[in-house]
Each structure stands twice: as C-alpha cells, then as structure tokens.
Amino acid sequence: MENISLLRPNRFVIDLQVIGENALALRKLAPPRVKFFATIKADAYGFGLIPVARTVLAAGADALSVVRLEDAAALREAGIRCPILLYAGQVLGPEQVGAIEAYDLWPAVHHRHALEALDRYLTRPIDCALKIECGQERLGVQAEEAETFSAAMLATGKLRIKVVHTHPHVEGDASHLQWQFDRFERAWKAVASQTPGAVPIAVFAGTKALSMRPDMMLTGIDPGQALFRLPASLAPVDRPPTPFHSLTSKLIHVYEVKRSEFVAQSLVPTTAGSRIGIIPIGYGDGLTRLHAGDVLVHGRRARVITPLSVEYTRIDLTSVPSAQIGDEVTIVGGQDDALISPDEVMAHTGVPRVTDLVIPLGPAVPRQYLPYQPHLSTLRPSSMAATQ
C-alpha cells in the first residue's frame, strides 16, 4: 500500500459517478443483443485502470478492451473475470503468447506475424479477434483479404474467432464513413460464413461512429472516449459532465520579491509588494497542458508564472496577501465560490478532449476517487460472463 503521507501534496480527484453514468447511457443506447466492450486503454486514459474497470462493469459493460498486455494482466490479477479484448500492441513471442493463454485474453490478430506466433506458441485453443483495416490506415488485415486470412486462422485449430473489429477514420463527409462501414460489413460476413455455428461479434462503432451513426453499431461497440465525456449527440444536457473533479496542490514556499538588480532578467514580477508562491508540480507531471493560466488560492485567482519547471510551478500571490505555506492551491476544480473548470483549461491550452488533459498527468500524482453509486433498479446483468 502506497504511503500517501510520503508523497508530494498533489491530488487528482476523479468522480467515478460520471464514468458510471456514461457507461450506463452507452449500455442503454445499445440493444441487449449488442455487446459493449469498454475501451480503457492507456491506464483508462489516465483515470486509473482498475477503478474505472470496476465502474464500467458495474454499469453494464460486457467486456473490456486494452492495448497493454501488462494492463490486461493487472485486470486479471485484480480479480476481474470478464472477457478482455487485447488490441495489438506487442511483437508476439513465446512469453507474450504464454501470458495471453495464462490470463485468458482475446488477442487481436492483425498481421500474419501475429497469426504465426500464436499458432506456434499456443498450447491450447483460445478465443481471439480479427482486426480489419478499412480506412484508418493503421493496423489490421485489409478488408478484402479478411476471408482468406480468417481461413488461415481457423486452419490452425488453435484460434476461435470471437470478434471481428476495426477502428474507422471518422473524418470527412458521410460517404467516407459509409465506404468504411460497407467494407467492414462485407469482411465480417465473409468471416462469419466460415463460422456458421458461432458468428463473431462485429465491432465497428467506437465513440465517434456512435455519435454520428448509431445505426452502425452492428453486434458490438467499443467506445473509449465516451466513458469520460459523452458526445453531445448522445448526452441529455448541452455540456456533458466529466469525471475530472479536481487537481490540487499545496504551497511549499512563499516569499516577497526584493530583487533590485538585473530586474529585466527576473522570471517573476519585481514591483514592490510582489509575492511568489511555489507548488511542487510541474511540466514533468503534465501540468503544461493542465492549467488555465490561473489557479485558486483562498478562493481568489492567482496567475501561473511560466515557464514551468520540471517539478515546480511559480504562482503570483500578490493579490492573495494572506496565502501561506501549506495552503491548498486548486489548479482545476472549485474552491470557495470560485471555479476553474476542465473546459476552461481546454480553452486555454487548446486541448480538444478531457482525456487529452489527463493522459499526460504522470503517475506520481496520486489518483483519489469519489465512488460510483449504481442505480441498481435500472441495470441489466451482463450477458457474456461474470464481471468480477
């Protein structure tokens, strides 16, 4: 157990209720026959793998999707038993394939090298996924080659194709998305024709596709970003909430500037009465993209002085003369009657999504959680497997 008293006084507070409500909204959007894979890659986009996993499963997700093999292992070691789709992220060898088998994962087969490694090193048949490339130009078997490739997978006798999935490029006009969908649907049907007794789950729609064309969900969805902020088209309010509750630190040094030489070279204001505070968080923690130009001290705004240091940030406390060492500094969130919202931070830094704020926030900043309170009367049990 981490001894929080030994850590710097920086705290990132996450509201799991928002994540749970978003997952529940997505579960309600999809018909019961549609399997809901909650994508929680990159440590749940920085919000914390295990707490987020437990929350989305409690809210009705059927399965989880991750990229990092170590994340999948951590989920299993935390006692989570639902299906885990492992996106491509490894050069597969005997150690990686052994872990896939030991942790009962569904690996995405995206290239002949992965197919050959699984065939060579698996000791028993496993469920897996076939990744199709239909427009993102990133990973996967070309849609037109899916039938031949899936036949090679099935011929190994070790791979049961449980999922056929893709990641569409949701940019440009509607015809571009339709072209990708048509290619994917043909590929899925070609694969399904070879597995008539167990038709694979077809996963085309992630967050963007769901927000634009919910009719493209087929038999599976794998949203990720939407878990942390619902797209406006899927939300019941104009400005959907985010689970980013607050980011705070504490003053560890406060002083009055008395510099009278080389004033032009000073990094801080040098007018009479200027006061400077130091907080122990900096660009090494991802703060460059995580402040709105001001912070809150005693409920009043204090300017962030740039440039930031690796583990320190200066703030101008001239307008907060009562500030002292140990006082809380709110970087994002509410303090007294004042508020710096994640949206204000995004507007200041030009960051488009709340997850893009959080992912750079380093692991040295402890995550703390407000709990998820499931609305038990509205939840449906998972239709794929026990979740925990």
Protein backbone atom coordinates (compact mmCIF):
# COMPACT_ATOMS: atom_id res chain seq x y z
CA MET A 1 0.00 0.00 0.00
CA GLU A 2 1.38 3.38 -1.04
CA ASN A 3 2.11 5.66 1.92
CA ILE A 4 0.38 8.83 0.77
CA SER A 5 1.97 10.89 3.54
CA LEU A 6 5.36 10.43 1.84
CA LEU A 7 4.16 11.81 -1.48
CA ARG A 8 4.09 15.38 -2.71
CA PRO A 9 0.81 17.13 -1.79
CA ASN A 10 -0.67 16.87 -5.29
CA ARG A 11 -4.05 15.18 -5.69
CA PHE A 12 -6.12 14.33 -8.76
CA VAL A 13 -9.71 13.59 -7.71
CA ILE A 14 -11.86 11.56 -10.11
CA ASP A 15 -15.64 11.26 -9.96
CA LEU A 16 -16.48 7.64 -10.78
CA GLN A 17 -20.18 8.51 -10.74
CA VAL A 18 -19.77 10.36 -14.03
CA ILE A 19 -17.93 7.42 -15.61
CA GLY A 20 -20.59 5.02 -14.37
CA GLU A 21 -23.45 7.17 -15.66
CA ASN A 22 -21.75 7.50 -19.05
CA ALA A 23 -21.25 3.74 -19.27
CA LEU A 24 -24.89 3.21 -18.29
CA ALA A 25 -26.02 5.63 -21.01
CA LEU A 26 -24.00 3.69 -23.57
CA ARG A 27 -25.41 0.41 -22.34
CA LYS A 28 -28.95 1.80 -22.72
CA LEU A 29 -28.14 3.08 -26.21
CA ALA A 30 -27.18 -0.40 -27.41
CA PRO A 31 -29.86 -3.10 -27.72
CA PRO A 32 -29.42 -6.13 -25.45
CA ARG A 33 -28.02 -8.20 -28.32
CA VAL A 34 -25.14 -5.73 -28.82
CA LYS A 35 -22.03 -6.48 -26.78
CA PHE A 36 -20.45 -3.49 -25.04
CA PHE A 37 -16.65 -3.56 -24.94
CA ALA A 38 -15.48 -0.66 -22.73
CA THR A 39 -12.16 0.56 -24.07
CA ILE A 40 -9.89 1.58 -21.19
CA LYS A 41 -6.50 1.74 -22.87
CA ALA A 42 -3.64 3.95 -21.61
CA ASP A 43 -4.49 3.33 -17.93
CA ALA A 44 -8.12 4.17 -18.68
CA TYR A 45 -6.95 7.32 -20.45
CA GLY A 46 -5.12 8.33 -17.27
CA PHE A 47 -8.14 7.99 -14.97
CA GLY A 48 -6.93 4.71 -13.42
CA LEU A 49 -7.29 1.22 -14.85
CA ILE A 50 -8.76 -0.84 -12.01
CA PRO A 51 -11.24 1.68 -10.52
CA VAL A 52 -12.55 2.56 -13.97
CA ALA A 53 -12.79 -1.10 -14.99
CA ARG A 54 -14.85 -1.97 -11.93
CA THR A 55 -17.10 1.04 -12.50
CA VAL A 56 -17.92 0.40 -16.16
CA LEU A 57 -18.56 -3.28 -15.49
CA ALA A 58 -20.91 -2.37 -12.64
CA ALA A 59 -22.69 -0.03 -15.05
CA GLY A 60 -23.35 -2.75 -17.62
CA ALA A 61 -20.30 -3.16 -19.86
CA ASP A 62 -19.94 -6.74 -21.08
CA ALA A 63 -16.18 -6.75 -21.64
CA LEU A 64 -13.05 -4.61 -21.58
CA SER A 65 -10.54 -3.61 -24.26
CA VAL A 66 -6.91 -2.64 -23.62
CA VAL A 67 -3.69 -2.34 -25.62
CA ARG A 68 -1.06 -3.05 -22.98
CA LEU A 69 -0.52 -6.66 -22.05
CA GLU A 70 0.54 -5.56 -18.58
CA ASP A 71 -2.82 -3.80 -18.17
CA ALA A 72 -4.68 -6.97 -19.09
CA ALA A 73 -2.59 -8.92 -16.60
CA ALA A 74 -3.31 -6.33 -13.90
CA LEU A 75 -7.06 -6.63 -14.52
CA ARG A 76 -6.94 -10.38 -14.13
CA GLU A 77 -4.78 -10.15 -11.01
CA ALA A 78 -7.34 -7.72 -9.57
CA GLY A 79 -9.94 -10.48 -9.88
CA ILE A 80 -11.76 -9.19 -12.97
CA ARG A 81 -13.04 -12.17 -14.94
CA CYS A 82 -14.95 -10.64 -17.86
CA PRO A 83 -13.71 -11.06 -21.44
CA ILE A 84 -10.71 -8.84 -22.19
CA LEU A 85 -10.00 -7.91 -25.80
CA LEU A 86 -6.28 -7.26 -26.18
CA TYR A 87 -5.66 -4.85 -29.03
CA ALA A 88 -2.44 -5.16 -31.00
CA GLY A 89 0.49 -3.72 -29.06
CA GLN A 90 3.17 -6.41 -28.91
CA VAL A 91 5.57 -8.28 -31.14
CA LEU A 92 4.35 -11.70 -30.11
CA GLY A 93 6.82 -14.28 -28.89
CA PRO A 94 6.64 -17.24 -26.51
CA GLU A 95 6.46 -15.06 -23.37
CA GLN A 96 3.69 -12.84 -24.69
CA VAL A 97 1.66 -15.76 -26.06
CA GLY A 98 2.12 -17.61 -22.77
CA ALA A 99 0.70 -14.62 -20.91
CA ILE A 100 -2.25 -14.37 -23.31
CA GLU A 101 -3.03 -18.01 -22.66
CA ALA A 102 -2.46 -17.85 -18.90
CA TYR A 103 -4.66 -14.77 -18.43
CA ASP A 104 -7.36 -16.00 -20.82
CA LEU A 105 -7.25 -12.96 -23.11
CA TRP A 106 -8.75 -12.43 -26.55
CA PRO A 107 -5.81 -11.20 -28.65
CA ALA A 108 -6.45 -9.15 -31.79
CA VAL A 109 -4.78 -10.84 -34.76
CA HIS A 110 -3.83 -8.05 -37.15
CA HIS A 111 -0.94 -9.44 -39.22
CA ARG A 112 0.46 -12.74 -40.39
CA HIS A 113 3.33 -12.45 -37.90
CA ALA A 114 0.84 -12.45 -35.02
CA LEU A 115 -1.01 -15.39 -36.56
CA GLU A 116 2.17 -17.42 -36.93
CA ALA A 117 3.33 -16.65 -33.38
CA LEU A 118 0.01 -17.70 -31.87
CA ASP A 119 -0.06 -20.87 -33.94
CA ARG A 120 3.50 -21.73 -32.90
CA TYR A 121 3.36 -21.00 -29.18
CA LEU A 122 -0.22 -21.67 -28.05
CA THR A 123 -0.69 -24.94 -26.21
CA ARG A 124 -4.49 -24.96 -26.44
CA PRO A 125 -7.28 -23.34 -28.47
CA ILE A 126 -8.28 -19.81 -27.44
CA ASP A 127 -10.84 -17.16 -28.39
CA CYS A 128 -9.42 -14.24 -30.34
CA ALA A 129 -10.30 -11.24 -32.51
CA LEU A 130 -9.57 -10.41 -36.12
CA LYS A 131 -8.63 -6.78 -36.68
CA ILE A 132 -9.75 -5.36 -40.03
CA GLU A 133 -8.24 -2.29 -41.70
CA CYS A 134 -10.97 -0.42 -43.53
CA GLY A 135 -9.85 3.22 -43.63
CA GLN A 136 -7.78 4.28 -40.62
CA GLU A 137 -4.54 3.17 -42.35
CA ARG A 138 -3.05 1.98 -39.10
CA LEU A 139 -3.43 -1.68 -38.10
CA GLY A 140 -5.24 -4.69 -39.44
CA VAL A 141 -5.83 -7.09 -42.26
CA GLN A 142 -7.18 -5.36 -45.37
CA ALA A 143 -10.95 -5.80 -45.51
CA GLU A 144 -10.79 -7.52 -48.88
CA GLU A 145 -8.34 -10.10 -47.52
CA ALA A 146 -10.39 -10.97 -44.43
CA GLU A 147 -11.91 -14.17 -45.81
CA THR A 148 -8.56 -15.66 -46.81
CA PHE A 149 -6.87 -14.55 -43.62
CA SER A 150 -9.61 -15.84 -41.34
CA ALA A 151 -9.48 -19.20 -43.13
CA ALA A 152 -5.78 -19.38 -42.25
CA MET A 153 -6.58 -18.54 -38.64
CA LEU A 154 -9.21 -21.27 -38.38
CA ALA A 155 -6.94 -23.78 -40.11
CA THR A 156 -4.53 -23.64 -37.16
CA GLY A 157 -7.10 -25.37 -34.97
CA LYS A 158 -6.00 -23.05 -32.15
CA LEU A 159 -7.90 -19.84 -32.88
CA ARG A 160 -11.64 -19.35 -32.44
CA ILE A 161 -12.65 -16.03 -33.98
CA LYS A 162 -14.88 -14.44 -31.35
CA VAL A 163 -14.74 -10.83 -32.57
CA VAL A 164 -14.19 -9.05 -35.88
CA HIS A 165 -13.38 -5.39 -35.24
CA THR A 166 -11.97 -2.25 -36.77
CA HIS A 167 -11.20 1.39 -35.97
CA PRO A 168 -12.77 3.60 -38.64
CA HIS A 169 -11.43 7.01 -39.61
CA VAL A 170 -14.34 9.25 -38.71
CA GLU A 171 -13.38 12.37 -40.62
CA GLY A 172 -14.55 13.93 -43.85
CA ASP A 173 -18.02 13.61 -45.32
CA ALA A 174 -20.58 10.95 -44.54
CA SER A 175 -19.71 8.96 -47.67
CA HIS A 176 -16.22 8.26 -46.30
CA LEU A 177 -17.63 6.64 -43.17
CA GLN A 178 -20.21 4.73 -45.22
CA TRP A 179 -17.45 3.39 -47.51
CA GLN A 180 -15.54 2.09 -44.49
CA PHE A 181 -18.67 0.58 -42.95
CA ASP A 182 -19.58 -1.22 -46.17
CA ARG A 183 -16.06 -2.67 -46.50
CA PHE A 184 -16.11 -3.82 -42.89
CA GLU A 185 -19.56 -5.34 -43.05
CA ARG A 186 -18.62 -7.36 -46.14
CA ALA A 187 -15.46 -8.57 -44.41
CA TRP A 188 -17.38 -9.56 -41.27
CA LYS A 189 -19.95 -11.50 -43.27
CA ALA A 190 -17.19 -13.28 -45.18
CA VAL A 191 -15.59 -14.36 -41.91
CA ALA A 192 -18.96 -15.33 -40.43
CA SER A 193 -19.63 -17.59 -43.41
CA GLN A 194 -16.73 -19.73 -42.22
CA THR A 195 -18.00 -19.92 -38.63
CA PRO A 196 -21.74 -20.58 -39.03
CA GLY A 197 -22.12 -22.14 -35.60
CA ALA A 198 -20.58 -19.16 -33.79
CA VAL A 199 -20.95 -15.89 -35.69
CA PRO A 200 -18.26 -13.44 -34.50
CA ILE A 201 -19.26 -10.22 -32.78
CA ALA A 202 -18.91 -7.33 -35.25
CA VAL A 203 -17.44 -4.19 -33.66
CA PHE A 204 -17.34 -1.14 -35.94
CA ALA A 205 -18.62 1.69 -33.75
CA GLY A 206 -16.45 3.43 -31.20
CA THR A 207 -17.22 6.82 -29.72
CA LYS A 208 -17.14 8.92 -32.90
CA ALA A 209 -19.05 6.48 -35.08
CA LEU A 210 -21.69 6.06 -32.37
CA SER A 211 -22.14 9.81 -32.10
CA MET A 212 -22.55 10.19 -35.87
CA ARG A 213 -24.25 6.95 -36.91
CA PRO A 214 -25.58 4.84 -34.02
CA ASP A 215 -27.17 2.55 -36.60
CA MET A 216 -23.64 1.34 -37.44
CA MET A 217 -23.21 -0.48 -34.13
CA LEU A 218 -23.91 -3.93 -35.70
CA THR A 219 -23.48 -6.50 -32.88
CA GLY A 220 -20.81 -4.82 -30.80
CA ILE A 221 -19.50 -1.41 -29.72
CA ASP A 222 -16.16 -0.41 -28.21
CA PRO A 223 -16.36 3.22 -27.01
CA GLY A 224 -13.48 4.68 -25.05
CA GLN A 225 -13.58 8.49 -25.02
CA ALA A 226 -17.34 8.46 -24.39
CA LEU A 227 -16.80 6.85 -20.99
CA PHE A 228 -15.18 10.09 -19.84
CA ARG A 229 -17.41 12.57 -21.65
CA LEU A 230 -20.44 11.65 -23.69
CA PRO A 231 -20.61 13.22 -27.15
CA ALA A 232 -23.20 15.96 -27.27
CA SER A 233 -25.37 13.91 -29.62
CA LEU A 234 -25.63 11.15 -27.00
CA ALA A 235 -25.92 13.32 -23.89
CA PRO A 236 -29.09 14.58 -22.21
CA VAL A 237 -27.55 18.02 -21.47
CA ASP A 238 -25.80 20.67 -23.55
CA ARG A 239 -22.49 20.37 -21.71
CA PRO A 240 -21.96 16.78 -20.54
CA PRO A 241 -20.07 16.43 -17.26
CA THR A 242 -16.59 14.98 -16.99
CA PRO A 243 -15.12 12.81 -14.20
CA PHE A 244 -12.28 15.33 -13.79
CA HIS A 245 -13.35 16.60 -10.37
CA SER A 246 -10.23 18.47 -9.24
CA LEU A 247 -6.46 18.79 -9.33
CA THR A 248 -4.89 20.41 -6.28
CA SER A 249 -1.51 21.05 -4.71
CA LYS A 250 -0.19 23.00 -1.71
CA LEU A 251 2.13 25.92 -1.28
CA ILE A 252 5.56 24.77 -0.13
CA HIS A 253 7.28 28.17 -0.34
CA VAL A 254 6.02 31.77 -0.16
CA TYR A 255 8.18 34.87 -0.32
CA GLU A 256 8.19 38.59 -1.13
CA VAL A 257 10.36 39.60 -4.08
CA LYS A 258 13.05 42.09 -3.05
CA ARG A 259 15.21 41.97 -6.15
CA SER A 260 16.71 45.29 -7.26
CA GLU A 261 19.39 44.17 -9.74
CA PHE A 262 19.04 42.54 -13.15
CA VAL A 263 15.33 43.17 -12.81
CA ALA A 264 14.76 42.73 -16.55
CA GLN A 265 16.10 39.17 -16.33
CA SER A 266 13.83 38.15 -13.46
CA LEU A 267 11.34 35.36 -14.12
CA VAL A 268 8.86 36.88 -11.65
CA PRO A 269 7.30 40.32 -11.03
CA THR A 270 9.65 42.60 -9.07
CA THR A 271 7.43 45.55 -8.27
CA ALA A 272 7.11 46.49 -4.63
CA GLY A 273 4.89 44.08 -2.72
CA SER A 274 5.18 41.22 -5.24
CA ARG A 275 4.70 37.84 -3.57
CA ILE A 276 5.52 34.49 -5.13
CA GLY A 277 4.36 31.01 -4.17
CA ILE A 278 5.78 27.66 -5.22
CA ILE A 279 3.80 24.45 -5.67
CA PRO A 280 5.56 21.07 -6.15
CA ILE A 281 4.08 20.12 -9.51
CA GLY A 282 5.47 20.96 -12.93
CA TYR A 283 5.80 20.04 -16.54
CA GLY A 284 7.24 16.65 -15.61
CA ASP A 285 3.77 15.89 -14.22
CA GLY A 286 2.00 17.05 -17.37
CA LEU A 287 0.98 20.43 -15.97
CA THR A 288 1.86 22.32 -19.17
CA ARG A 289 -1.48 21.26 -20.66
CA LEU A 290 -3.33 21.21 -17.37
CA HIS A 291 -3.75 24.78 -16.18
CA ALA A 292 -5.91 27.69 -17.25
CA GLY A 293 -3.29 30.40 -16.72
CA ASP A 294 -4.61 30.94 -13.19
CA VAL A 295 -5.02 28.84 -10.05
CA LEU A 296 -7.20 29.38 -7.00
CA VAL A 297 -5.81 30.28 -3.57
CA HIS A 298 -8.21 31.28 -0.77
CA GLY A 299 -10.93 31.34 -3.44
CA ARG A 300 -9.11 34.02 -5.44
CA ARG A 301 -7.34 33.74 -8.76
CA ALA A 302 -3.56 33.80 -8.83
CA ARG A 303 -1.61 33.87 -12.09
CA VAL A 304 0.58 30.92 -13.13
CA ILE A 305 4.06 32.20 -13.96
CA THR A 306 5.62 30.49 -16.95
CA PRO A 307 7.82 28.77 -17.86
CA LEU A 308 7.13 25.84 -15.57
CA SER A 309 9.94 23.80 -14.04
CA VAL A 310 10.13 20.01 -14.09
CA GLU A 311 8.63 19.62 -10.59
CA TYR A 312 7.78 23.17 -9.57
CA THR A 313 5.44 25.95 -10.65
CA ARG A 314 5.57 29.60 -9.59
CA ILE A 315 2.37 31.49 -8.96
CA ASP A 316 1.86 35.22 -8.40
CA LEU A 317 0.35 35.67 -4.92
CA THR A 318 0.46 39.47 -4.93
CA SER A 319 -3.35 39.61 -4.98
CA VAL A 320 -3.59 37.00 -2.19
CA PRO A 321 -1.52 38.57 0.62
CA SER A 322 -2.79 36.13 3.25
CA ALA A 323 -1.52 33.00 1.44
CA GLN A 324 0.93 30.93 3.48
CA ILE A 325 2.89 27.71 3.25
CA GLY A 326 0.55 24.71 3.46
CA ASP A 327 -2.43 26.45 1.87
CA GLU A 328 -4.29 24.48 -0.78
CA VAL A 329 -3.93 25.54 -4.41
CA THR A 330 -6.66 24.45 -6.79
CA ILE A 331 -5.40 24.04 -10.34
CA VAL A 332 -8.64 22.56 -11.68
CA GLY A 333 -11.89 22.48 -9.73
CA GLY A 334 -13.83 24.55 -7.24
CA GLN A 335 -12.60 26.45 -4.20
CA ASP A 336 -14.97 28.50 -2.06
CA ASP A 337 -17.26 30.15 -4.62
CA ALA A 338 -14.70 30.18 -7.43
CA LEU A 339 -14.25 27.59 -10.18
CA ILE A 340 -11.68 26.65 -12.81
CA SER A 341 -13.37 24.00 -14.93
CA PRO A 342 -11.75 21.43 -17.22
CA ASP A 343 -13.44 23.26 -20.10
CA GLU A 344 -11.65 26.48 -19.16
CA VAL A 345 -8.35 24.60 -19.12
CA MET A 346 -9.08 23.08 -22.54
CA ALA A 347 -9.93 26.51 -23.93
CA HIS A 348 -6.70 27.95 -22.52
CA THR A 349 -4.42 25.18 -23.79
CA GLY A 350 -6.23 24.22 -26.99
CA VAL A 351 -6.64 20.61 -25.85
CA PRO A 352 -9.73 19.15 -27.56
CA ARG A 353 -10.76 16.35 -25.16
CA VAL A 354 -10.75 15.89 -21.42
CA THR A 355 -8.81 12.64 -21.80
CA ASP A 356 -6.05 14.61 -23.54
CA LEU A 357 -5.74 16.68 -20.37
CA VAL A 358 -5.42 13.62 -18.17
CA ILE A 359 -3.20 11.22 -20.14
CA PRO A 360 -0.05 13.39 -19.66
CA LEU A 361 -0.71 13.68 -15.92
CA GLY A 362 2.06 11.49 -14.58
CA PRO A 363 1.67 8.53 -12.23
CA ALA A 364 3.47 10.45 -9.49
CA VAL A 365 0.25 12.43 -8.95
CA PRO A 366 -1.98 10.20 -6.79
CA ARG A 367 -5.50 9.46 -8.03
CA GLN A 368 -8.30 9.66 -5.48
CA TYR A 369 -11.88 8.61 -6.22
CA LEU A 370 -15.40 9.68 -5.48
CA PRO A 371 -17.42 6.43 -5.53
CA TYR A 372 -19.89 5.19 -8.10
CA GLN A 373 -23.37 4.53 -6.68
CA PRO A 374 -25.08 2.18 -9.15
CA HIS A 375 -28.77 2.69 -9.80
CA LEU A 376 -29.44 -0.99 -9.32
CA SER A 377 -33.05 -0.88 -10.48
CA THR A 378 -32.03 0.26 -13.97
CA LEU A 379 -29.09 -2.03 -14.59
CA ARG A 380 -29.19 -5.16 -16.69
CA PRO A 381 -26.89 -8.08 -15.88
CA SER A 382 -24.03 -8.77 -18.26
CA SER A 383 -24.95 -11.25 -20.95
CA MET A 384 -21.42 -12.51 -21.66
CA ALA A 385 -19.72 -13.52 -18.43
CA ALA A 386 -19.43 -12.82 -14.72
CA THR A 387 -17.74 -9.46 -14.33
CA GLN A 388 -15.76 -9.84 -11.16
